[in-house]
Amino acid sequence: MKKVALVENQGKVFVLNVSGKEIIPLSNQIVAPTEWTRISKGSVEVKASVIAYVFDRYGDSYKDKEREAWREKLDFLDIKETDGFPGIRDSYLHVSLTYNDK
C-alpha cells in the first residue's frame, strides 16, 4: 500500500502523503506537509484547521507570508474561501468551503 492520496484539478496534483516517507514531487505536484494529514478509519484526511486557515475569507488581514504562499500554491483547487465554525456539541471545527464560480 502506498498510503498516498491525490487530489487532481487543472492538470495539477495535491499529494497527501501519509506513508511516513519523503516524496519528491513532479513539476505538477504540491506535497502537503505530513503534519497536515492523517489516516482515520481507512481514509486520508487533511486537518480542517489547515484548510480553514489557508483559505480563510479574512486571511488577507493576517499578513502571513506562509499562508499566502500556500494559498497561491493550492489555487488550482478552486477554493474561493472558507469559514470555520467551532462545534458547540461535538468540539470539532466545522469548515464551510466556497468554491470559485465556473
N, C-alpha and C. Protein backbone atom coordinates (compact mmCIF):
# COMPACT_ATOMS: atom_id res chain seq x y z
N MET A 1 0.84 -1.18 0.00
CA MET A 1 0.00 0.00 0.00
C MET A 1 0.89 1.25 0.00
N LYS A 2 0.56 2.22 -0.86
CA LYS A 2 1.37 3.42 -0.99
C LYS A 2 1.09 4.45 0.10
N LYS A 3 -0.12 4.47 0.62
CA LYS A 3 -0.51 5.43 1.65
C LYS A 3 -0.32 6.87 1.17
N VAL A 4 -0.87 7.13 0.00
CA VAL A 4 -0.84 8.46 -0.61
C VAL A 4 -2.21 8.69 -1.24
N ALA A 5 -2.75 9.88 -1.05
CA ALA A 5 -4.00 10.26 -1.73
C ALA A 5 -3.66 11.44 -2.65
N LEU A 6 -4.31 11.46 -3.81
CA LEU A 6 -4.06 12.51 -4.80
C LEU A 6 -5.34 13.27 -5.08
N VAL A 7 -5.24 14.59 -5.09
CA VAL A 7 -6.36 15.46 -5.45
C VAL A 7 -5.90 16.20 -6.70
N GLU A 8 -6.57 15.93 -7.82
CA GLU A 8 -6.12 16.49 -9.09
C GLU A 8 -7.16 17.45 -9.65
N ASN A 9 -6.67 18.57 -10.18
CA ASN A 9 -7.53 19.56 -10.82
C ASN A 9 -6.66 20.43 -11.72
N GLN A 10 -7.16 20.74 -12.88
CA GLN A 10 -6.48 21.65 -13.81
C GLN A 10 -5.05 21.20 -14.12
N GLY A 11 -4.82 19.89 -14.16
CA GLY A 11 -3.50 19.37 -14.50
C GLY A 11 -2.49 19.39 -13.36
N LYS A 12 -2.89 19.87 -12.19
CA LYS A 12 -2.01 19.88 -11.02
C LYS A 12 -2.52 18.87 -10.00
N VAL A 13 -1.62 18.43 -9.13
CA VAL A 13 -1.96 17.39 -8.17
C VAL A 13 -1.52 17.79 -6.77
N PHE A 14 -2.45 17.70 -5.82
CA PHE A 14 -2.16 17.92 -4.40
C PHE A 14 -1.94 16.53 -3.81
N VAL A 15 -0.73 16.27 -3.34
CA VAL A 15 -0.35 14.95 -2.84
C VAL A 15 -0.46 14.95 -1.31
N LEU A 16 -1.30 14.06 -0.80
CA LEU A 16 -1.47 13.89 0.64
C LEU A 16 -0.71 12.62 1.02
N ASN A 17 0.44 12.80 1.62
CA ASN A 17 1.36 11.71 1.91
C ASN A 17 1.23 11.29 3.37
N VAL A 18 0.78 10.07 3.58
CA VAL A 18 0.70 9.53 4.94
C VAL A 18 1.55 8.26 5.06
N SER A 19 2.52 8.13 4.17
CA SER A 19 3.37 6.93 4.12
C SER A 19 4.50 6.96 5.13
N GLY A 20 4.83 8.16 5.63
CA GLY A 20 5.97 8.27 6.53
C GLY A 20 7.28 8.39 5.77
N LYS A 21 7.22 8.38 4.44
CA LYS A 21 8.41 8.51 3.61
C LYS A 21 8.35 9.82 2.84
N GLU A 22 9.52 10.36 2.53
CA GLU A 22 9.59 11.61 1.78
C GLU A 22 9.20 11.36 0.32
N ILE A 23 8.46 12.28 -0.24
CA ILE A 23 8.07 12.22 -1.65
C ILE A 23 8.71 13.40 -2.36
N ILE A 24 9.38 13.11 -3.46
CA ILE A 24 9.93 14.15 -4.31
C ILE A 24 8.86 14.45 -5.36
N PRO A 25 8.28 15.66 -5.34
CA PRO A 25 7.18 15.95 -6.25
C PRO A 25 7.62 16.13 -7.70
N LEU A 26 6.74 15.76 -8.61
CA LEU A 26 6.92 16.07 -10.01
C LEU A 26 6.61 17.55 -10.20
N SER A 27 6.86 18.08 -11.37
CA SER A 27 6.69 19.52 -11.59
C SER A 27 5.24 19.98 -11.42
N ASN A 28 4.27 19.09 -11.58
CA ASN A 28 2.86 19.47 -11.46
C ASN A 28 2.26 19.08 -10.10
N GLN A 29 3.10 18.70 -9.15
CA GLN A 29 2.62 18.23 -7.84
C GLN A 29 3.01 19.18 -6.71
N ILE A 30 2.10 19.30 -5.75
CA ILE A 30 2.34 20.01 -4.50
C ILE A 30 2.13 18.99 -3.38
N VAL A 31 3.13 18.76 -2.57
CA VAL A 31 3.03 17.78 -1.49
C VAL A 31 2.67 18.49 -0.19
N ALA A 32 1.61 18.04 0.44
CA ALA A 32 1.20 18.60 1.73
C ALA A 32 2.21 18.21 2.81
N PRO A 33 2.50 19.11 3.72
CA PRO A 33 3.35 18.74 4.85
C PRO A 33 2.71 17.57 5.62
N THR A 34 3.52 16.66 6.10
CA THR A 34 2.98 15.47 6.77
C THR A 34 2.15 15.81 8.00
N GLU A 35 2.46 16.93 8.67
CA GLU A 35 1.67 17.30 9.86
C GLU A 35 0.27 17.77 9.50
N TRP A 36 -0.02 17.97 8.23
CA TRP A 36 -1.36 18.37 7.78
C TRP A 36 -2.28 17.17 7.61
N THR A 37 -1.73 15.96 7.48
CA THR A 37 -2.53 14.80 7.07
C THR A 37 -2.50 13.68 8.10
N ARG A 38 -3.50 12.79 7.95
CA ARG A 38 -3.53 11.59 8.79
C ARG A 38 -4.47 10.58 8.13
N ILE A 39 -4.38 9.34 8.60
CA ILE A 39 -5.32 8.30 8.17
C ILE A 39 -6.28 8.08 9.32
N SER A 40 -7.57 8.08 9.02
CA SER A 40 -8.60 7.82 10.02
C SER A 40 -9.64 6.87 9.41
N LYS A 41 -9.79 5.71 10.00
CA LYS A 41 -10.75 4.71 9.54
C LYS A 41 -10.58 4.40 8.05
N GLY A 42 -9.33 4.31 7.62
CA GLY A 42 -9.03 3.94 6.25
C GLY A 42 -9.08 5.08 5.24
N SER A 43 -9.38 6.29 5.68
CA SER A 43 -9.44 7.44 4.77
C SER A 43 -8.32 8.42 5.10
N VAL A 44 -7.80 9.07 4.07
CA VAL A 44 -6.79 10.10 4.28
C VAL A 44 -7.52 11.42 4.52
N GLU A 45 -7.11 12.11 5.56
CA GLU A 45 -7.76 13.37 5.92
C GLU A 45 -6.73 14.49 5.98
N VAL A 46 -7.19 15.69 5.66
CA VAL A 46 -6.41 16.91 5.85
C VAL A 46 -7.02 17.62 7.05
N LYS A 47 -6.20 18.13 7.93
CA LYS A 47 -6.72 18.83 9.11
C LYS A 47 -7.60 20.01 8.67
N ALA A 48 -8.79 20.06 9.21
CA ALA A 48 -9.74 21.13 8.89
C ALA A 48 -9.16 22.49 9.23
N SER A 49 -8.40 22.56 10.30
CA SER A 49 -7.84 23.84 10.71
C SER A 49 -6.88 24.40 9.66
N VAL A 50 -6.17 23.54 8.96
CA VAL A 50 -5.24 23.98 7.92
C VAL A 50 -6.01 24.58 6.75
N ILE A 51 -7.02 23.84 6.27
CA ILE A 51 -7.82 24.33 5.15
C ILE A 51 -8.54 25.62 5.53
N ALA A 52 -9.07 25.65 6.75
CA ALA A 52 -9.77 26.86 7.22
C ALA A 52 -8.82 28.05 7.25
N TYR A 53 -7.59 27.85 7.66
CA TYR A 53 -6.63 28.95 7.77
C TYR A 53 -6.12 29.39 6.40
N VAL A 54 -5.71 28.44 5.57
CA VAL A 54 -5.13 28.79 4.26
C VAL A 54 -6.12 29.55 3.39
N PHE A 55 -7.39 29.13 3.43
CA PHE A 55 -8.39 29.74 2.56
C PHE A 55 -9.38 30.64 3.31
N ASP A 56 -9.02 31.06 4.52
CA ASP A 56 -9.90 31.88 5.35
C ASP A 56 -10.37 33.13 4.59
N ARG A 57 -11.66 33.35 4.65
CA ARG A 57 -12.28 34.51 3.99
C ARG A 57 -11.57 35.82 4.38
N TYR A 58 -11.10 35.90 5.60
CA TYR A 58 -10.47 37.13 6.10
C TYR A 58 -8.95 36.98 6.19
N GLY A 59 -8.39 36.02 5.51
CA GLY A 59 -6.97 35.71 5.61
C GLY A 59 -6.03 36.81 5.20
N ASP A 60 -6.47 37.68 4.30
CA ASP A 60 -5.58 38.77 3.86
C ASP A 60 -5.22 39.70 5.02
N SER A 61 -6.04 39.74 6.03
CA SER A 61 -5.76 40.62 7.17
C SER A 61 -4.67 40.05 8.09
N TYR A 62 -4.28 38.77 7.91
CA TYR A 62 -3.26 38.16 8.77
C TYR A 62 -1.85 38.63 8.45
N LYS A 63 -1.61 39.00 7.19
CA LYS A 63 -0.26 39.37 6.74
C LYS A 63 0.73 38.25 7.05
N ASP A 64 0.31 37.01 6.74
CA ASP A 64 1.12 35.82 6.98
C ASP A 64 1.63 35.31 5.63
N LYS A 65 2.92 35.49 5.39
CA LYS A 65 3.52 35.15 4.09
C LYS A 65 3.42 33.65 3.79
N GLU A 66 3.56 32.80 4.82
CA GLU A 66 3.47 31.35 4.59
C GLU A 66 2.04 30.98 4.16
N ARG A 67 1.04 31.56 4.82
CA ARG A 67 -0.35 31.29 4.44
C ARG A 67 -0.61 31.74 3.01
N GLU A 68 -0.12 32.92 2.67
CA GLU A 68 -0.32 33.45 1.32
C GLU A 68 0.36 32.56 0.28
N ALA A 69 1.55 32.06 0.60
CA ALA A 69 2.28 31.18 -0.33
C ALA A 69 1.52 29.88 -0.55
N TRP A 70 0.97 29.29 0.53
CA TRP A 70 0.20 28.05 0.38
C TRP A 70 -1.09 28.30 -0.39
N ARG A 71 -1.72 29.42 -0.13
CA ARG A 71 -2.95 29.72 -0.87
C ARG A 71 -2.66 29.83 -2.37
N GLU A 72 -1.55 30.45 -2.71
CA GLU A 72 -1.17 30.57 -4.11
C GLU A 72 -0.85 29.20 -4.72
N LYS A 73 -0.10 28.37 -3.98
CA LYS A 73 0.25 27.03 -4.46
C LYS A 73 -1.00 26.18 -4.69
N LEU A 74 -2.00 26.34 -3.82
CA LEU A 74 -3.20 25.50 -3.88
C LEU A 74 -4.35 26.16 -4.62
N ASP A 75 -4.08 27.23 -5.32
CA ASP A 75 -5.09 27.95 -6.09
C ASP A 75 -5.82 27.04 -7.08
N PHE A 76 -5.15 26.05 -7.61
CA PHE A 76 -5.75 25.14 -8.59
C PHE A 76 -6.90 24.31 -8.03
N LEU A 77 -7.04 24.26 -6.71
CA LEU A 77 -8.15 23.51 -6.10
C LEU A 77 -9.48 24.25 -6.25
N ASP A 78 -9.43 25.49 -6.70
CA ASP A 78 -10.61 26.32 -6.94
C ASP A 78 -11.42 26.63 -5.68
N ILE A 79 -10.76 26.63 -4.53
CA ILE A 79 -11.43 27.03 -3.29
C ILE A 79 -11.35 28.54 -3.20
N LYS A 80 -12.50 29.17 -3.16
CA LYS A 80 -12.55 30.64 -3.08
C LYS A 80 -12.25 31.11 -1.66
N GLU A 81 -12.96 30.50 -0.68
CA GLU A 81 -12.78 30.91 0.71
C GLU A 81 -13.40 29.89 1.65
N THR A 82 -13.05 30.02 2.92
CA THR A 82 -13.61 29.15 3.95
C THR A 82 -14.07 29.99 5.13
N ASP A 83 -14.98 29.41 5.87
CA ASP A 83 -15.38 29.94 7.18
C ASP A 83 -15.32 28.77 8.15
N GLY A 84 -14.61 28.97 9.26
CA GLY A 84 -14.53 27.93 10.28
C GLY A 84 -15.50 28.20 11.41
N PHE A 85 -16.17 27.14 11.87
CA PHE A 85 -17.16 27.26 12.94
C PHE A 85 -16.88 26.20 14.00
N PRO A 86 -16.66 26.60 15.24
CA PRO A 86 -16.47 25.59 16.28
C PRO A 86 -17.78 24.88 16.58
N GLY A 87 -17.70 23.56 16.70
CA GLY A 87 -18.90 22.78 17.03
C GLY A 87 -19.25 22.97 18.50
N ILE A 88 -20.47 23.35 18.77
CA ILE A 88 -20.91 23.58 20.14
C ILE A 88 -21.02 22.26 20.90
N ARG A 89 -21.59 21.27 20.26
CA ARG A 89 -21.85 20.00 20.96
C ARG A 89 -20.78 18.94 20.74
N ASP A 90 -20.05 19.03 19.63
CA ASP A 90 -19.10 17.96 19.33
C ASP A 90 -17.63 18.37 19.46
N SER A 91 -17.34 19.61 19.73
CA SER A 91 -15.98 20.12 19.90
C SER A 91 -15.11 20.02 18.65
N TYR A 92 -15.71 19.79 17.49
CA TYR A 92 -14.98 19.75 16.22
C TYR A 92 -14.98 21.12 15.58
N LEU A 93 -14.01 21.35 14.69
CA LEU A 93 -14.02 22.54 13.86
C LEU A 93 -14.74 22.17 12.57
N HIS A 94 -15.81 22.84 12.27
CA HIS A 94 -16.55 22.62 11.03
C HIS A 94 -16.12 23.71 10.06
N VAL A 95 -15.89 23.33 8.80
CA VAL A 95 -15.39 24.28 7.81
C VAL A 95 -16.35 24.31 6.63
N SER A 96 -16.82 25.50 6.33
CA SER A 96 -17.67 25.71 5.16
C SER A 96 -16.77 26.19 4.01
N LEU A 97 -16.79 25.44 2.90
CA LEU A 97 -15.98 25.79 1.73
C LEU A 97 -16.86 26.48 0.70
N THR A 98 -16.33 27.53 0.09
CA THR A 98 -16.98 28.16 -1.05
C THR A 98 -16.01 28.03 -2.22
N TYR A 99 -16.50 27.47 -3.31
CA TYR A 99 -15.67 27.29 -4.50
C TYR A 99 -15.84 28.45 -5.46
N ASN A 100 -14.83 28.67 -6.29
CA ASN A 100 -14.92 29.70 -7.33
C ASN A 100 -16.00 29.32 -8.33
N ASP A 101 -16.66 30.33 -8.88
CA ASP A 101 -17.67 30.09 -9.92
C ASP A 101 -16.97 29.64 -11.18
N LYS A 102 -17.58 28.73 -11.87
CA LYS A 102 -17.03 28.23 -13.14
C LYS A 102 -17.61 29.00 -14.29
